[in-house]
């Protein structure tokens, strides 16, 4: 098993019920091509990744995993003065807007938590949920690579969770618009042991349950 398919140490031994598939910010403003009806969409990869990640979450849930969707909601009243100076009231994922709604249909029985900036670990709602569900492992999927996904990964690492990043479940803006995607993917691969496909986890769990 090479580095691109090897699960992180200890992850495969976790029973699925102690693992949450964390779907970070698959929302209309980040993923829907309808966000730019009069221009060429720059989020087509996000759209594809959102559907792929949701399909993965459905299969993982069937094996016993928990599923958690996050939504970034822009509410200036919930931000610090320093944070507010970088935001406009009608910015991305503004509270009550179409853009803030989930782009994918949440799975039955899944959990939905809210955050007000990039870092899901700043959400007390999220932390409480992980404790209540007795989660010890996270499969991290989401957009955008350079901020929200990266914060989720670093926060899991800092807090001692088992975590898995699969390159086919994370995304950023389409190539040609930004140059960060390749750099962040390489960082996740080299530093956080990101696998190329989440399929390797489903195969491990299926084999585990067949024993």
Protein backbone atom coordinates (compact mmCIF):
# COMPACT_ATOMS: atom_id res chain seq x y z
CA UNK A 1 0.00 0.00 0.00
CA UNK A 2 1.61 3.27 -1.09
CA UNK A 3 1.39 6.68 0.56
CA UNK A 4 -1.51 7.77 -1.63
CA UNK A 5 -3.70 4.88 -0.42
CA UNK A 6 -2.50 4.30 3.15
CA UNK A 7 -4.96 5.27 5.87
CA UNK A 8 -3.59 7.33 8.76
CA UNK A 9 -2.35 5.26 11.68
CA UNK A 10 -5.24 4.16 13.89
CA UNK A 11 -7.98 5.37 11.56
CA UNK A 12 -8.96 2.05 10.02
CA UNK A 13 -9.34 0.49 13.46
CA UNK A 14 -12.00 3.02 14.48
CA UNK A 15 -15.54 1.68 14.32
CA UNK A 16 -17.59 3.80 11.87
CA UNK A 17 -19.95 5.02 14.60
CA UNK A 18 -17.05 6.97 16.13
CA UNK A 19 -16.24 8.66 12.82
CA UNK A 20 -17.97 11.72 11.37
CA UNK A 21 -17.90 12.67 7.72
CA UNK A 22 -17.44 16.43 7.98
CA UNK A 23 -18.87 18.23 4.94
CA UNK A 24 -17.53 21.76 5.16
CA UNK A 25 -19.56 24.55 3.56
CA UNK A 26 -21.09 22.89 0.51
CA UNK A 27 -23.31 25.95 0.08
CA UNK A 28 -24.82 27.71 -2.93
CA UNK A 29 -22.45 30.67 -2.83
CA UNK A 30 -19.45 28.34 -3.00
CA UNK A 31 -20.80 25.55 -5.19
CA UNK A 32 -23.79 26.50 -7.34
CA UNK A 33 -23.07 27.53 -10.96
CA UNK A 34 -26.24 29.65 -10.70
CA UNK A 35 -24.33 32.07 -8.51
CA UNK A 36 -22.87 33.61 -11.70
CA UNK A 37 -25.67 33.30 -14.28
CA UNK A 38 -24.21 35.96 -16.57
CA UNK A 39 -20.59 34.80 -16.50
CA UNK A 40 -18.55 31.65 -16.83
CA UNK A 41 -18.77 29.85 -13.46
CA UNK A 42 -15.56 29.61 -11.49
CA UNK A 43 -16.86 27.00 -9.07
CA UNK A 44 -17.58 24.01 -11.31
CA UNK A 45 -15.03 21.88 -9.44
CA UNK A 46 -16.69 22.80 -6.15
CA UNK A 47 -20.03 21.69 -7.59
CA UNK A 48 -18.65 18.34 -8.72
CA UNK A 49 -16.88 17.79 -5.41
CA UNK A 50 -20.02 18.62 -3.43
CA UNK A 51 -22.02 15.91 -5.18
CA UNK A 52 -19.17 13.39 -4.92
CA UNK A 53 -18.70 14.08 -1.20
CA UNK A 54 -22.42 13.79 -0.52
CA UNK A 55 -22.49 10.43 -2.30
CA UNK A 56 -19.51 9.28 -0.23
CA UNK A 57 -21.24 10.43 2.96
CA UNK A 58 -24.32 8.37 2.03
CA UNK A 59 -22.21 5.22 1.67
CA UNK A 60 -20.27 5.92 4.86
CA UNK A 61 -23.51 6.49 6.78
CA UNK A 62 -24.79 3.12 5.56
CA UNK A 63 -21.75 1.56 7.23
CA UNK A 64 -22.50 3.39 10.50
CA UNK A 65 -20.64 6.71 10.27
CA UNK A 66 -22.12 10.02 11.40
CA UNK A 67 -22.54 12.86 8.89
CA UNK A 68 -22.11 16.53 9.76
CA UNK A 69 -22.76 19.45 7.41
CA UNK A 70 -21.38 22.88 8.24
CA UNK A 71 -22.66 26.22 7.01
CA UNK A 72 -20.72 29.45 7.09
CA UNK A 73 -23.25 32.16 7.89
CA UNK A 74 -22.24 35.81 7.55
CA UNK A 75 -23.81 37.75 10.42
CA UNK A 76 -21.91 40.93 11.22
CA UNK A 77 -23.34 40.98 14.73
CA UNK A 78 -21.50 37.73 15.46
CA UNK A 79 -18.11 39.04 14.35
CA UNK A 80 -15.46 41.01 16.18
CA UNK A 81 -14.75 44.60 15.09
CA UNK A 82 -11.58 43.45 13.33
CA UNK A 83 -13.45 40.74 11.45
CA UNK A 84 -16.26 43.10 10.47
CA UNK A 85 -13.90 45.50 8.72
CA UNK A 86 -13.29 42.84 6.05
CA UNK A 87 -16.94 42.01 5.42
CA UNK A 88 -20.00 43.56 3.76
CA UNK A 89 -23.54 42.80 4.99
CA UNK A 90 -24.45 41.18 1.66
CA UNK A 91 -21.22 39.18 1.33
CA UNK A 92 -20.86 35.45 0.72
CA UNK A 93 -23.34 33.29 2.64
CA UNK A 94 -25.13 36.23 4.24
CA UNK A 95 -27.65 35.19 6.89
CA UNK A 96 -31.05 34.38 5.37
CA UNK A 97 -29.78 34.41 1.78
CA UNK A 98 -30.09 31.77 -0.92
CA UNK A 99 -26.30 31.66 -1.08
CA UNK A 100 -26.08 30.50 2.52
CA UNK A 101 -28.30 27.47 1.91
CA UNK A 102 -26.80 24.03 1.37
CA UNK A 103 -26.12 23.21 -2.27
CA UNK A 104 -26.60 19.49 -1.68
CA UNK A 105 -29.57 17.76 -0.07
CA UNK A 106 -28.61 16.74 3.47
CA UNK A 107 -28.86 13.04 4.23
CA UNK A 108 -31.60 11.80 6.56
CA UNK A 109 -30.35 11.74 10.13
CA UNK A 110 -27.37 13.99 9.41
CA UNK A 111 -26.38 16.92 11.63
CA UNK A 112 -26.14 20.58 10.60
CA UNK A 113 -23.95 23.08 12.46
CA UNK A 114 -23.23 26.76 11.90
CA UNK A 115 -20.04 28.78 11.95
CA UNK A 116 -19.61 32.49 11.40
CA UNK A 117 -16.11 32.58 9.93
CA UNK A 118 -13.74 30.15 8.29
CA UNK A 119 -12.84 27.97 11.28
CA UNK A 120 -15.39 25.29 12.23
CA UNK A 121 -13.50 24.70 15.47
CA UNK A 122 -14.64 28.13 16.67
CA UNK A 123 -18.24 26.83 16.69
CA UNK A 124 -19.30 25.71 20.17
CA UNK A 125 -22.23 23.96 18.49
CA UNK A 126 -19.78 21.78 16.56
CA UNK A 127 -17.63 20.97 19.59
CA UNK A 128 -20.68 20.02 21.65
CA UNK A 129 -21.93 17.76 18.87
CA UNK A 130 -18.62 15.89 18.60
CA UNK A 131 -18.61 15.28 22.35
CA UNK A 132 -22.23 14.13 22.37
CA UNK A 133 -21.67 11.68 19.51
CA UNK A 134 -18.37 10.46 21.03
CA UNK A 135 -16.53 11.16 17.77
CA UNK A 136 -12.83 10.34 17.61
CA UNK A 137 -12.24 10.38 13.84
CA UNK A 138 -13.12 12.82 11.06
CA UNK A 139 -13.25 12.41 7.31
CA UNK A 140 -12.81 16.00 6.16
CA UNK A 141 -14.48 17.08 2.92
CA UNK A 142 -15.25 20.58 1.73
CA UNK A 143 -14.49 23.87 0.05
CA UNK A 144 -12.48 26.16 -0.01
CA UNK A 145 -9.05 24.53 0.19
CA UNK A 146 -7.09 27.62 1.21
CA UNK A 147 -9.23 28.53 4.21
CA UNK A 148 -12.22 26.54 5.48
CA UNK A 149 -10.84 23.09 4.62
CA UNK A 150 -7.41 23.98 5.93
CA UNK A 151 -8.80 25.29 9.22
CA UNK A 152 -10.78 22.06 9.67
CA UNK A 153 -7.67 19.94 9.12
CA UNK A 154 -5.40 21.99 11.36
CA UNK A 155 -8.02 22.09 14.11
CA UNK A 156 -8.43 18.32 14.06
CA UNK A 157 -4.67 17.89 14.23
CA UNK A 158 -4.32 20.38 17.09
CA UNK A 159 -7.05 18.71 19.16
CA UNK A 160 -5.77 15.18 18.75
CA UNK A 161 -8.51 13.68 16.59
CA UNK A 162 -7.86 10.95 14.08
CA UNK A 163 -8.57 12.53 10.70
CA UNK A 164 -8.52 11.66 7.05
CA UNK A 165 -8.33 14.02 4.09
CA UNK A 166 -9.12 12.62 0.64
CA UNK A 167 -8.14 14.71 -2.38
CA UNK A 168 -11.34 13.76 -4.23
CA UNK A 169 -13.52 15.22 -1.45
CA UNK A 170 -11.95 18.69 -1.24
CA UNK A 171 -11.87 21.52 -3.75
CA UNK A 172 -11.20 25.15 -4.51
CA UNK A 173 -11.96 27.57 -7.32
CA UNK A 174 -11.42 26.31 -10.86
CA UNK A 175 -7.87 26.25 -12.26
CA UNK A 176 -6.77 29.43 -13.95
CA UNK A 177 -8.48 31.64 -11.38
CA UNK A 178 -6.19 31.03 -8.44
CA UNK A 179 -2.83 29.37 -7.92
CA UNK A 180 -3.28 28.01 -4.41
CA UNK A 181 -5.04 24.71 -5.14
CA UNK A 182 -1.99 22.72 -6.13
CA UNK A 183 0.08 24.12 -3.26
CA UNK A 184 -2.54 23.29 -0.63
CA UNK A 185 -3.11 19.81 -2.05
CA UNK A 186 0.62 19.15 -1.96
CA UNK A 187 0.79 20.39 1.63
CA UNK A 188 -2.09 18.12 2.67
CA UNK A 189 -0.41 15.19 0.96
CA UNK A 190 3.04 15.77 2.44
CA UNK A 191 2.14 16.93 5.94
CA UNK A 192 -1.28 15.44 6.67
CA UNK A 193 -1.10 12.17 4.76
CA UNK A 194 -3.98 12.97 2.42
CA UNK A 195 -5.07 10.01 0.31
CA UNK A 196 -6.09 10.41 -3.30
CA UNK A 197 -9.51 8.79 -2.93
CA UNK A 198 -11.86 8.24 0.00
CA UNK A 199 -12.73 4.89 -1.53
CA UNK A 200 -9.84 3.36 0.40
CA UNK A 201 -11.67 4.00 3.68
CA UNK A 202 -14.92 2.43 2.49
CA UNK A 203 -12.97 -0.62 1.33
CA UNK A 204 -11.27 -0.91 4.73
CA UNK A 205 -14.55 -0.61 6.62
CA UNK A 206 -16.29 -3.10 4.36
CA UNK A 207 -13.49 -5.60 4.88
CA UNK A 208 -13.56 -4.95 8.62
CA UNK A 209 -17.28 -5.68 8.85
CA UNK A 210 -16.93 -8.82 6.75
CA UNK A 211 -14.51 -10.38 9.23
